[in-house]
Amino acid sequence: MKICPYCEEDGVWYVSIEQIPNEQYKMCFECDTIWQRDENVEYGKGKNYITLMEEKKLKADWNKIIKLRKVE
């Protein structure tokens, strides 16, 4: 299991977000850091979930995040 390089507290998950149906991401649910699916899970590359949603002009709603599977 891949551990989040930001908080070092939780595993990283592959996720989809209902408001962004054609994209998948990797996400830590402890600190809400999110990476593009094809990005390496590294410190300095991720961004906060709220920031991502603001950039896309969408409302951040944690109920719309679907966990797919853990990143190995």
C-alpha atoms as a PDB file:
ATOM      1  CA  MET A   1       0.000   0.000   0.000  1.00  0.00           C
ATOM      2  CA  LYS A   2       1.283   3.480  -0.942  1.00  0.00           C
ATOM      3  CA  ILE A   3       1.407   5.859   2.055  1.00  0.00           C
ATOM      4  CA  CYS A   4       0.742   9.564   1.535  1.00  0.00           C
ATOM      5  CA  PRO A   5       4.017  11.547   1.376  1.00  0.00           C
ATOM      6  CA  TYR A   6       2.320  14.649   2.843  1.00  0.00           C
ATOM      7  CA  CYS A   7       0.744  13.358   6.053  1.00  0.00           C
ATOM      8  CA  GLU A   8       2.350   9.879   6.243  1.00  0.00           C
ATOM      9  CA  GLU A   9      -0.853   8.802   8.010  1.00  0.00           C
ATOM     10  CA  ASP A  10      -2.986   7.006   5.438  1.00  0.00           C
ATOM     11  CA  GLY A  11      -2.922   5.011   2.246  1.00  0.00           C
ATOM     12  CA  VAL A  12      -3.557   6.541  -1.154  1.00  0.00           C
ATOM     13  CA  TRP A  13      -6.611   5.479  -3.169  1.00  0.00           C
ATOM     14  CA  TYR A  14      -7.543   5.535  -6.830  1.00  0.00           C
ATOM     15  CA  VAL A  15     -10.744   7.574  -6.936  1.00  0.00           C
ATOM     16  CA  SER A  16     -13.276   8.992  -9.321  1.00  0.00           C
ATOM     17  CA  ILE A  17     -15.243  12.161  -8.684  1.00  0.00           C
ATOM     18  CA  GLU A  18     -18.865  12.231  -9.816  1.00  0.00           C
ATOM     19  CA  GLN A  19     -18.653  15.852 -11.027  1.00  0.00           C
ATOM     20  CA  ILE A  20     -15.604  14.979 -13.205  1.00  0.00           C
ATOM     21  CA  PRO A  21     -16.693  11.688 -14.835  1.00  0.00           C
ATOM     22  CA  ASN A  22     -13.959  11.406 -17.478  1.00  0.00           C
ATOM     23  CA  GLU A  23     -10.999  11.677 -15.096  1.00  0.00           C
ATOM     24  CA  GLN A  24      -9.560   9.543 -12.318  1.00  0.00           C
ATOM     25  CA  TYR A  25      -7.261  10.595  -9.506  1.00  0.00           C
ATOM     26  CA  LYS A  26      -5.226   9.298  -6.595  1.00  0.00           C
ATOM     27  CA  MET A  27      -6.211  10.664  -3.186  1.00  0.00           C
ATOM     28  CA  CYS A  28      -5.293  10.566   0.498  1.00  0.00           C
ATOM     29  CA  PHE A  29      -8.431  10.816   2.630  1.00  0.00           C
ATOM     30  CA  GLU A  30      -6.502  11.828   5.743  1.00  0.00           C
ATOM     31  CA  CYS A  31      -5.123  15.131   4.402  1.00  0.00           C
ATOM     32  CA  ASP A  32      -7.207  15.477   1.188  1.00  0.00           C
ATOM     33  CA  THR A  33      -4.194  15.607  -1.114  1.00  0.00           C
ATOM     34  CA  ILE A  34      -5.036  14.596  -4.668  1.00  0.00           C
ATOM     35  CA  TRP A  35      -2.908  13.679  -7.693  1.00  0.00           C
ATOM     36  CA  GLN A  36      -3.762  13.121 -11.346  1.00  0.00           C
ATOM     37  CA  ARG A  37      -4.001   9.392 -12.045  1.00  0.00           C
ATOM     38  CA  ASP A  38      -0.826   9.411 -14.169  1.00  0.00           C
ATOM     39  CA  GLU A  39       1.196  11.551 -11.689  1.00  0.00           C
ATOM     40  CA  ASN A  40       3.699   9.989  -9.318  1.00  0.00           C
ATOM     41  CA  VAL A  41       2.556  10.147  -5.700  1.00  0.00           C
ATOM     42  CA  GLU A  42       5.330  12.421  -4.461  1.00  0.00           C
ATOM     43  CA  TYR A  43       5.635  15.332  -2.055  1.00  0.00           C
ATOM     44  CA  GLY A  44       5.305  18.586  -3.980  1.00  0.00           C
ATOM     45  CA  LYS A  45       3.247  17.140  -6.849  1.00  0.00           C
ATOM     46  CA  GLY A  46      -0.176  16.793  -5.252  1.00  0.00           C
ATOM     47  CA  LYS A  47      -2.698  19.503  -4.484  1.00  0.00           C
ATOM     48  CA  ASN A  48      -5.538  19.875  -2.031  1.00  0.00           C
ATOM     49  CA  TYR A  49      -8.911  18.488  -3.112  1.00  0.00           C
ATOM     50  CA  ILE A  50     -10.646  21.827  -2.475  1.00  0.00           C
ATOM     51  CA  THR A  51      -8.057  23.606  -4.643  1.00  0.00           C
ATOM     52  CA  LEU A  52      -8.637  21.138  -7.489  1.00  0.00           C
ATOM     53  CA  MET A  53     -12.386  21.661  -7.337  1.00  0.00           C
ATOM     54  CA  GLU A  54     -12.036  25.463  -7.182  1.00  0.00           C
ATOM     55  CA  GLU A  55      -9.782  25.345 -10.265  1.00  0.00           C
ATOM     56  CA  LYS A  56     -12.515  23.403 -12.070  1.00  0.00           C
ATOM     57  CA  LYS A  57     -15.174  25.825 -10.757  1.00  0.00           C
ATOM     58  CA  LEU A  58     -16.985  22.995  -8.962  1.00  0.00           C
ATOM     59  CA  LYS A  59     -18.172  22.604  -5.381  1.00  0.00           C
ATOM     60  CA  ALA A  60     -16.024  20.305  -3.237  1.00  0.00           C
ATOM     61  CA  ASP A  61     -18.287  17.516  -1.995  1.00  0.00           C
ATOM     62  CA  TRP A  62     -16.632  14.551  -0.286  1.00  0.00           C
ATOM     63  CA  ASN A  63     -19.819  12.504  -0.813  1.00  0.00           C
ATOM     64  CA  LYS A  64     -19.156  12.620  -4.572  1.00  0.00           C
ATOM     65  CA  ILE A  65     -15.755  10.888  -4.284  1.00  0.00           C
ATOM     66  CA  ILE A  66     -15.813   7.187  -5.122  1.00  0.00           C
ATOM     67  CA  LYS A  67     -13.010   4.989  -3.761  1.00  0.00           C
ATOM     68  CA  LEU A  68     -11.959   2.506  -6.426  1.00  0.00           C
ATOM     69  CA  ARG A  69      -8.971   0.672  -4.934  1.00  0.00           C
ATOM     70  CA  LYS A  70      -5.800   1.319  -2.938  1.00  0.00           C
ATOM     71  CA  VAL A  71      -2.626   2.325  -4.753  1.00  0.00           C
ATOM     72  CA  GLU A  72       0.008  -0.362  -4.317  1.00  0.00           C
END
